[in-house]
Amino acid sequence: MERNEILERVQDVFRDELELDDLVLTDETTADDVEEWDSLTHVQIVVALEKAFALKFTSREILSWDNVGDLVDCIEKKIG
């Protein structure tokens, strides 16, 4: 799967979980950029991403993400 395809799937998950149909994510997007993205929705997003990509993230991986780009990189490595 290409990196841009991963980002599109991640964006779809975020849109579903945050109920924001027009949300556009970039590699630089952080929780500070999206008002609805708080600690509770972060957990929901992580669980939804694990289901969408059929993988599991470690706590260390999750804590290492500074932005959406880091998240996409992590997924890319896991499914690569």
C-alpha atoms as a PDB file:
ATOM      1  CA  MET A   1       0.000   0.000   0.000  1.00  0.00           C
ATOM      2  CA  GLU A   2       1.343   3.406  -0.991  1.00  0.00           C
ATOM      3  CA  ARG A   3       1.931   6.064   1.669  1.00  0.00           C
ATOM      4  CA  ASN A   4      -0.725   8.362   0.182  1.00  0.00           C
ATOM      5  CA  GLU A   5      -3.253   5.497   0.319  1.00  0.00           C
ATOM      6  CA  ILE A   6      -2.443   4.983   3.995  1.00  0.00           C
ATOM      7  CA  LEU A   7      -2.957   8.694   4.656  1.00  0.00           C
ATOM      8  CA  GLU A   8      -6.328   8.574   2.861  1.00  0.00           C
ATOM      9  CA  ARG A   9      -7.471   5.612   4.984  1.00  0.00           C
ATOM     10  CA  VAL A  10      -6.232   7.334   8.144  1.00  0.00           C
ATOM     11  CA  GLN A  11      -8.148  10.452   7.127  1.00  0.00           C
ATOM     12  CA  ASP A  12     -11.309   8.388   6.600  1.00  0.00           C
ATOM     13  CA  VAL A  13     -10.975   6.916  10.091  1.00  0.00           C
ATOM     14  CA  PHE A  14     -10.451  10.362  11.601  1.00  0.00           C
ATOM     15  CA  ARG A  15     -13.490  11.702   9.729  1.00  0.00           C
ATOM     16  CA  ASP A  16     -15.645   8.849  11.023  1.00  0.00           C
ATOM     17  CA  GLU A  17     -14.433   9.022  14.618  1.00  0.00           C
ATOM     18  CA  LEU A  18     -14.511  12.817  14.885  1.00  0.00           C
ATOM     19  CA  GLU A  19     -17.662  13.180  12.759  1.00  0.00           C
ATOM     20  CA  LEU A  20     -15.961  15.760  10.558  1.00  0.00           C
ATOM     21  CA  ASP A  21     -16.737  14.962   6.929  1.00  0.00           C
ATOM     22  CA  ASP A  22     -14.583  17.783   5.582  1.00  0.00           C
ATOM     23  CA  LEU A  23     -11.470  17.152   7.714  1.00  0.00           C
ATOM     24  CA  VAL A  24      -8.268  17.209   5.676  1.00  0.00           C
ATOM     25  CA  LEU A  25      -5.159  15.724   7.277  1.00  0.00           C
ATOM     26  CA  THR A  26      -1.565  16.421   6.340  1.00  0.00           C
ATOM     27  CA  ASP A  27       1.655  14.974   7.730  1.00  0.00           C
ATOM     28  CA  GLU A  28       1.965  18.046   9.948  1.00  0.00           C
ATOM     29  CA  THR A  29      -1.552  17.851  11.465  1.00  0.00           C
ATOM     30  CA  THR A  30      -1.597  17.507  15.267  1.00  0.00           C
ATOM     31  CA  ALA A  31      -4.329  17.249  17.888  1.00  0.00           C
ATOM     32  CA  ASP A  32      -3.849  20.973  18.525  1.00  0.00           C
ATOM     33  CA  ASP A  33      -5.070  21.638  14.967  1.00  0.00           C
ATOM     34  CA  VAL A  34      -8.378  19.767  15.373  1.00  0.00           C
ATOM     35  CA  GLU A  35     -10.667  20.937  18.184  1.00  0.00           C
ATOM     36  CA  GLU A  36     -12.569  17.636  18.376  1.00  0.00           C
ATOM     37  CA  TRP A  37      -9.367  15.575  18.738  1.00  0.00           C
ATOM     38  CA  ASP A  38      -8.973  15.212  22.493  1.00  0.00           C
ATOM     39  CA  SER A  39      -7.552  12.443  24.692  1.00  0.00           C
ATOM     40  CA  LEU A  40     -10.747  10.376  24.623  1.00  0.00           C
ATOM     41  CA  THR A  41     -11.163  10.570  20.862  1.00  0.00           C
ATOM     42  CA  HIS A  42      -7.453   9.810  20.503  1.00  0.00           C
ATOM     43  CA  VAL A  43      -8.044   6.412  22.105  1.00  0.00           C
ATOM     44  CA  GLN A  44     -11.065   5.828  19.856  1.00  0.00           C
ATOM     45  CA  ILE A  45      -9.034   6.786  16.791  1.00  0.00           C
ATOM     46  CA  VAL A  46      -6.204   4.421  17.727  1.00  0.00           C
ATOM     47  CA  VAL A  47      -8.643   1.516  18.203  1.00  0.00           C
ATOM     48  CA  ALA A  48     -10.378   2.321  14.906  1.00  0.00           C
ATOM     49  CA  LEU A  49      -7.023   2.488  13.094  1.00  0.00           C
ATOM     50  CA  GLU A  50      -5.996  -0.879  14.540  1.00  0.00           C
ATOM     51  CA  LYS A  51      -9.229  -2.362  13.180  1.00  0.00           C
ATOM     52  CA  ALA A  52      -8.969  -0.613   9.809  1.00  0.00           C
ATOM     53  CA  PHE A  53      -5.405  -1.788   9.212  1.00  0.00           C
ATOM     54  CA  ALA A  54      -5.654  -5.111  11.131  1.00  0.00           C
ATOM     55  CA  LEU A  55      -2.674  -4.339  13.369  1.00  0.00           C
ATOM     56  CA  LYS A  56      -1.806  -3.413  16.948  1.00  0.00           C
ATOM     57  CA  PHE A  57       0.190  -0.445  18.170  1.00  0.00           C
ATOM     58  CA  THR A  58       2.434  -0.560  21.211  1.00  0.00           C
ATOM     59  CA  SER A  59       2.214   2.145  23.855  1.00  0.00           C
ATOM     60  CA  ARG A  60       5.717   3.245  22.884  1.00  0.00           C
ATOM     61  CA  GLU A  61       4.663   3.685  19.253  1.00  0.00           C
ATOM     62  CA  ILE A  62       1.584   5.686  20.187  1.00  0.00           C
ATOM     63  CA  LEU A  63       3.570   7.958  22.495  1.00  0.00           C
ATOM     64  CA  SER A  64       6.167   8.581  19.783  1.00  0.00           C
ATOM     65  CA  TRP A  65       3.701  10.201  17.379  1.00  0.00           C
ATOM     66  CA  ASP A  66       4.044  13.970  17.221  1.00  0.00           C
ATOM     67  CA  ASN A  67       1.758  14.376  14.219  1.00  0.00           C
ATOM     68  CA  VAL A  68      -0.220  12.475  11.592  1.00  0.00           C
ATOM     69  CA  GLY A  69       2.938  11.951   9.533  1.00  0.00           C
ATOM     70  CA  ASP A  70       4.511   9.972  12.394  1.00  0.00           C
ATOM     71  CA  LEU A  71       1.346   7.885  12.650  1.00  0.00           C
ATOM     72  CA  VAL A  72       1.341   7.163   8.915  1.00  0.00           C
ATOM     73  CA  ASP A  73       5.047   6.271   9.041  1.00  0.00           C
ATOM     74  CA  CYS A  74       4.329   3.798  11.838  1.00  0.00           C
ATOM     75  CA  ILE A  75       1.523   2.145   9.893  1.00  0.00           C
ATOM     76  CA  GLU A  76       3.674   2.025   6.758  1.00  0.00           C
ATOM     77  CA  LYS A  77       6.442   0.198   8.641  1.00  0.00           C
ATOM     78  CA  LYS A  78       3.997  -2.277  10.191  1.00  0.00           C
ATOM     79  CA  ILE A  79       2.273  -3.227   6.939  1.00  0.00           C
ATOM     80  CA  GLY A  80       5.318  -2.650   4.726  1.00  0.00           C
END
